[in-house]
Amino acid sequence: MPREHGQERGNTLRVYLYAQRTWAGEKKHPAGIPLCPENMGRREERRLDMERVYKTMRNIGALSIGVGIVVTVIGIAAGTISIINGAFLLKRKSEITF
């Protein structure tokens, strides 16, 4: 049964990440990222970097959607409360004396 194109790509990247971790051994960048071995080509290294960028973009996109939903709900609630308070003041306009 043939594999899907995306599945092959995912497995290939997983293999590269595993190989990078294995070859780097205990050497790590100060940020905790395993260092690429010297025999790993620039193409594979760039692919790993792009994978990190895409994962970061995905996480930031999900966070942005969440923040947008929260801000929208708070805005709707504030607008509703303002309309209710305005209607209440207009209803009792005749009771206000100066």
C-alpha atoms as a PDB file:
ATOM      1  CA  MET A   1       0.000   0.000   0.000  1.00  0.00           C
ATOM      2  CA  PRO A   2       1.634   3.318  -1.034  1.00  0.00           C
ATOM      3  CA  ARG A   3       2.169   5.977   1.598  1.00  0.00           C
ATOM      4  CA  GLU A   4       0.818   9.478   1.375  1.00  0.00           C
ATOM      5  CA  HIS A   5       3.324  12.130   0.303  1.00  0.00           C
ATOM      6  CA  GLY A   6       2.965  14.060   3.579  1.00  0.00           C
ATOM      7  CA  GLN A   7       3.496  10.920   5.623  1.00  0.00           C
ATOM      8  CA  GLU A   8       6.819  10.221   3.885  1.00  0.00           C
ATOM      9  CA  ARG A   9       7.908  13.791   4.474  1.00  0.00           C
ATOM     10  CA  GLY A  10       6.962  13.619   8.150  1.00  0.00           C
ATOM     11  CA  ASN A  11       8.871  10.372   8.616  1.00  0.00           C
ATOM     12  CA  THR A  12      11.908  11.800   6.815  1.00  0.00           C
ATOM     13  CA  LEU A  13      11.956  14.861   9.054  1.00  0.00           C
ATOM     14  CA  ARG A  14      11.537  12.661  12.120  1.00  0.00           C
ATOM     15  CA  VAL A  15      14.550  10.617  11.010  1.00  0.00           C
ATOM     16  CA  TYR A  16      16.614  13.774  10.501  1.00  0.00           C
ATOM     17  CA  LEU A  17      15.658  15.072  13.940  1.00  0.00           C
ATOM     18  CA  TYR A  18      16.540  11.732  15.528  1.00  0.00           C
ATOM     19  CA  ALA A  19      19.859  11.598  13.636  1.00  0.00           C
ATOM     20  CA  GLN A  20      20.667  15.151  14.661  1.00  0.00           C
ATOM     21  CA  ARG A  21      19.989  14.363  18.320  1.00  0.00           C
ATOM     22  CA  THR A  22      22.044  11.174  18.163  1.00  0.00           C
ATOM     23  CA  TRP A  23      25.040  12.683  16.338  1.00  0.00           C
ATOM     24  CA  ALA A  24      25.136  15.818  18.449  1.00  0.00           C
ATOM     25  CA  GLY A  25      25.506  13.751  21.618  1.00  0.00           C
ATOM     26  CA  GLU A  26      25.913  16.028  24.590  1.00  0.00           C
ATOM     27  CA  LYS A  27      26.777  19.131  22.529  1.00  0.00           C
ATOM     28  CA  LYS A  28      23.969  21.639  22.728  1.00  0.00           C
ATOM     29  CA  HIS A  29      23.454  25.247  21.819  1.00  0.00           C
ATOM     30  CA  PRO A  30      22.985  27.546  24.850  1.00  0.00           C
ATOM     31  CA  ALA A  31      19.269  27.644  23.970  1.00  0.00           C
ATOM     32  CA  GLY A  32      19.095  23.841  24.373  1.00  0.00           C
ATOM     33  CA  ILE A  33      18.950  23.036  20.653  1.00  0.00           C
ATOM     34  CA  PRO A  34      21.200  20.121  19.634  1.00  0.00           C
ATOM     35  CA  LEU A  35      24.057  21.183  17.386  1.00  0.00           C
ATOM     36  CA  CYS A  36      24.197  19.792  13.857  1.00  0.00           C
ATOM     37  CA  PRO A  37      27.122  17.474  13.170  1.00  0.00           C
ATOM     38  CA  GLU A  38      29.722  18.540  10.620  1.00  0.00           C
ATOM     39  CA  ASN A  39      28.777  15.739   8.211  1.00  0.00           C
ATOM     40  CA  MET A  40      25.145  16.868   8.018  1.00  0.00           C
ATOM     41  CA  GLY A  41      24.580  18.848   4.822  1.00  0.00           C
ATOM     42  CA  ARG A  42      23.349  22.430   4.668  1.00  0.00           C
ATOM     43  CA  ARG A  43      20.182  21.253   2.927  1.00  0.00           C
ATOM     44  CA  GLU A  44      19.180  18.986   5.814  1.00  0.00           C
ATOM     45  CA  GLU A  45      20.112  21.672   8.328  1.00  0.00           C
ATOM     46  CA  ARG A  46      17.977  24.223   6.493  1.00  0.00           C
ATOM     47  CA  ARG A  47      15.070  21.752   6.402  1.00  0.00           C
ATOM     48  CA  LEU A  48      15.331  21.357  10.191  1.00  0.00           C
ATOM     49  CA  ASP A  49      15.404  25.127  10.651  1.00  0.00           C
ATOM     50  CA  MET A  50      12.346  25.567   8.435  1.00  0.00           C
ATOM     51  CA  GLU A  51      10.510  22.885  10.409  1.00  0.00           C
ATOM     52  CA  ARG A  52      11.126  24.881  13.599  1.00  0.00           C
ATOM     53  CA  VAL A  53       9.897  28.051  11.891  1.00  0.00           C
ATOM     54  CA  TYR A  54       6.686  26.358  10.718  1.00  0.00           C
ATOM     55  CA  LYS A  55       5.992  24.938  14.194  1.00  0.00           C
ATOM     56  CA  THR A  56       6.557  28.363  15.744  1.00  0.00           C
ATOM     57  CA  MET A  57       4.247  29.987  13.194  1.00  0.00           C
ATOM     58  CA  ARG A  58       1.572  27.358  13.894  1.00  0.00           C
ATOM     59  CA  ASN A  59       1.744  27.971  17.645  1.00  0.00           C
ATOM     60  CA  ILE A  60       1.653  31.755  17.268  1.00  0.00           C
ATOM     61  CA  GLY A  61      -1.294  31.472  14.867  1.00  0.00           C
ATOM     62  CA  ALA A  62      -3.259  29.369  17.350  1.00  0.00           C
ATOM     63  CA  LEU A  63      -2.440  31.821  20.141  1.00  0.00           C
ATOM     64  CA  SER A  64      -3.553  34.766  17.983  1.00  0.00           C
ATOM     65  CA  ILE A  65      -6.893  33.104  17.260  1.00  0.00           C
ATOM     66  CA  GLY A  66      -7.400  32.454  20.979  1.00  0.00           C
ATOM     67  CA  VAL A  67      -6.578  36.054  21.914  1.00  0.00           C
ATOM     68  CA  GLY A  68      -8.893  37.326  19.170  1.00  0.00           C
ATOM     69  CA  ILE A  69     -11.785  35.256  20.507  1.00  0.00           C
ATOM     70  CA  VAL A  70     -11.208  36.467  24.075  1.00  0.00           C
ATOM     71  CA  VAL A  71     -11.018  40.124  22.989  1.00  0.00           C
ATOM     72  CA  THR A  72     -14.195  39.742  20.906  1.00  0.00           C
ATOM     73  CA  VAL A  73     -16.129  38.227  23.825  1.00  0.00           C
ATOM     74  CA  ILE A  74     -14.943  40.969  26.200  1.00  0.00           C
ATOM     75  CA  GLY A  75     -15.864  43.636  23.627  1.00  0.00           C
ATOM     76  CA  ILE A  76     -19.362  42.222  23.134  1.00  0.00           C
ATOM     77  CA  ALA A  77     -19.886  42.005  26.897  1.00  0.00           C
ATOM     78  CA  ALA A  78     -18.717  45.607  27.426  1.00  0.00           C
ATOM     79  CA  GLY A  79     -20.949  46.857  24.587  1.00  0.00           C
ATOM     80  CA  THR A  80     -23.972  45.014  25.978  1.00  0.00           C
ATOM     81  CA  ILE A  81     -23.427  46.413  29.470  1.00  0.00           C
ATOM     82  CA  SER A  82     -23.075  49.942  28.022  1.00  0.00           C
ATOM     83  CA  ILE A  83     -26.332  49.627  26.074  1.00  0.00           C
ATOM     84  CA  ILE A  84     -28.193  48.324  29.133  1.00  0.00           C
ATOM     85  CA  ASN A  85     -26.850  51.147  31.341  1.00  0.00           C
ATOM     86  CA  GLY A  86     -27.734  53.747  28.683  1.00  0.00           C
ATOM     87  CA  ALA A  87     -31.279  52.400  28.401  1.00  0.00           C
ATOM     88  CA  PHE A  88     -31.614  52.438  32.187  1.00  0.00           C
ATOM     89  CA  LEU A  89     -30.508  56.102  32.333  1.00  0.00           C
ATOM     90  CA  LEU A  90     -32.912  57.105  29.544  1.00  0.00           C
ATOM     91  CA  LYS A  91     -35.765  55.303  31.288  1.00  0.00           C
ATOM     92  CA  ARG A  92     -35.162  57.206  34.534  1.00  0.00           C
ATOM     93  CA  LYS A  93     -34.408  60.558  32.834  1.00  0.00           C
ATOM     94  CA  SER A  94     -37.536  62.150  34.302  1.00  0.00           C
ATOM     95  CA  GLU A  95     -36.449  61.286  37.870  1.00  0.00           C
ATOM     96  CA  ILE A  96     -33.196  63.239  37.629  1.00  0.00           C
ATOM     97  CA  THR A  97     -33.384  66.696  39.154  1.00  0.00           C
ATOM     98  CA  PHE A  98     -30.715  69.396  39.375  1.00  0.00           C
END
